[in-house]
Amino acid sequence: MYPVSTAPFGYNVTTTQKYQGDEQASGQGGLGSFNSVTNSVKATDVSPAASSQNYTAGGADGTFYNCHIASANDTLTKVGQGCEAQKNH
């Protein structure tokens, strides 16, 4: 936190989050299934308030997500094309 003239109370709050998770299951001498997820988020309350999130996930079933969303001034400004499940064949 540090002083910012455009912040309502003179300070800003900036938040970041990162997450990664991987899961594997083996059976009968081979890889049975897997899932992998990564997620990162950034947000700030400094005028203009803004946030963004990136989400990537994939699994053995062939479903894949690569999604990016963003907002500014409490309004959603971007939704990436990868936010809908896509099957890899």
Protein backbone atom coordinates (compact mmCIF):
# COMPACT_ATOMS: atom_id res chain seq x y z
CA MET A 1 0.00 0.00 0.00
CA TYR A 2 1.21 3.50 -0.79
CA PRO A 3 -0.33 6.99 -1.03
CA VAL A 4 -2.31 7.64 -4.21
CA SER A 5 -4.12 10.93 -4.85
CA THR A 6 -6.97 9.28 -6.82
CA ALA A 7 -7.77 6.70 -4.11
CA PRO A 8 -10.77 7.54 -1.85
CA PHE A 9 -8.75 7.13 1.37
CA GLY A 10 -5.36 8.16 -0.01
CA TYR A 11 -4.06 4.60 -0.36
CA ASN A 12 -4.56 1.85 -2.88
CA VAL A 13 -5.13 -1.84 -2.36
CA THR A 14 -3.65 -4.16 -4.93
CA THR A 15 -4.33 -7.89 -4.80
CA THR A 16 -2.68 -10.73 -6.68
CA GLN A 17 -3.40 -14.43 -6.53
CA LYS A 18 -1.78 -17.39 -8.26
CA TYR A 19 -2.88 -21.01 -8.14
CA GLN A 20 -1.70 -24.16 -9.87
CA GLY A 21 -2.99 -27.68 -9.41
CA ASP A 22 -2.11 -30.93 -11.15
CA GLU A 23 -3.66 -34.34 -10.68
CA GLN A 24 -2.66 -37.69 -12.18
CA ALA A 25 -4.08 -41.17 -11.78
CA SER A 26 -2.24 -44.26 -12.97
CA GLY A 27 -3.58 -47.72 -13.52
CA GLN A 28 -2.52 -50.95 -15.19
CA GLY A 29 1.00 -49.66 -15.80
CA GLY A 30 0.00 -46.44 -17.57
CA LEU A 31 -1.43 -42.98 -17.12
CA GLY A 32 -5.16 -43.34 -16.54
CA SER A 33 -6.15 -39.67 -16.37
CA PHE A 34 -4.80 -36.20 -15.68
CA ASN A 35 -6.04 -32.68 -15.01
CA SER A 36 -4.09 -29.43 -14.83
CA VAL A 37 -5.33 -25.98 -13.73
CA THR A 38 -3.59 -22.60 -13.46
CA ASN A 39 -5.28 -19.39 -12.38
CA SER A 40 -3.98 -15.87 -11.77
CA VAL A 41 -5.86 -12.77 -10.64
CA LYS A 42 -4.86 -9.12 -10.30
CA ALA A 43 -7.04 -6.33 -8.91
CA THR A 44 -6.66 -2.74 -7.74
CA ASP A 45 -9.03 -0.17 -6.28
CA VAL A 46 -7.15 2.88 -7.64
CA SER A 47 -9.28 5.01 -9.93
CA PRO A 48 -10.04 3.59 -12.36
CA ALA A 49 -10.53 0.35 -10.43
CA ALA A 50 -9.52 -2.63 -12.56
CA SER A 51 -9.10 -6.39 -12.40
CA SER A 52 -8.09 -9.26 -14.64
CA GLN A 53 -8.06 -13.04 -14.47
CA ASN A 54 -6.39 -15.73 -16.56
CA TYR A 55 -7.59 -19.33 -16.29
CA THR A 56 -6.11 -22.30 -18.11
CA ALA A 57 -7.26 -25.88 -17.66
CA GLY A 58 -6.89 -29.14 -19.54
CA GLY A 59 -7.49 -32.79 -18.96
CA ALA A 60 -7.25 -36.27 -20.36
CA ASP A 61 -10.81 -36.00 -21.67
CA GLY A 62 -9.57 -33.47 -24.25
CA THR A 63 -11.39 -30.44 -22.81
CA PHE A 64 -9.25 -27.29 -22.76
CA TYR A 65 -9.85 -23.76 -21.46
CA ASN A 66 -7.61 -20.72 -21.97
CA CYS A 67 -9.71 -17.85 -20.64
CA HIS A 68 -8.90 -14.19 -19.98
CA ILE A 69 -11.38 -11.71 -18.52
CA ALA A 70 -10.88 -8.09 -17.46
CA SER A 71 -12.84 -5.24 -15.90
CA ALA A 72 -12.46 -1.49 -15.38
CA ASN A 73 -14.66 0.90 -13.42
CA ASP A 74 -16.88 -2.01 -12.24
CA THR A 75 -17.65 -3.01 -15.85
CA LEU A 76 -16.59 -6.19 -17.63
CA THR A 77 -14.37 -5.04 -20.51
CA LYS A 78 -13.05 -8.29 -22.00
CA VAL A 79 -14.02 -11.95 -22.23
CA GLY A 80 -11.56 -14.00 -24.27
CA GLN A 81 -12.68 -16.55 -26.85
CA GLY A 82 -11.08 -19.35 -24.83
CA CYS A 83 -13.64 -19.01 -22.03
CA GLU A 84 -15.82 -21.72 -23.55
CA ALA A 85 -14.75 -25.35 -23.37
CA GLN A 86 -12.93 -26.53 -26.46
CA LYS A 87 -12.36 -30.18 -27.25
CA ASN A 88 -8.96 -31.22 -28.60
CA HIS A 89 -9.23 -34.09 -31.05
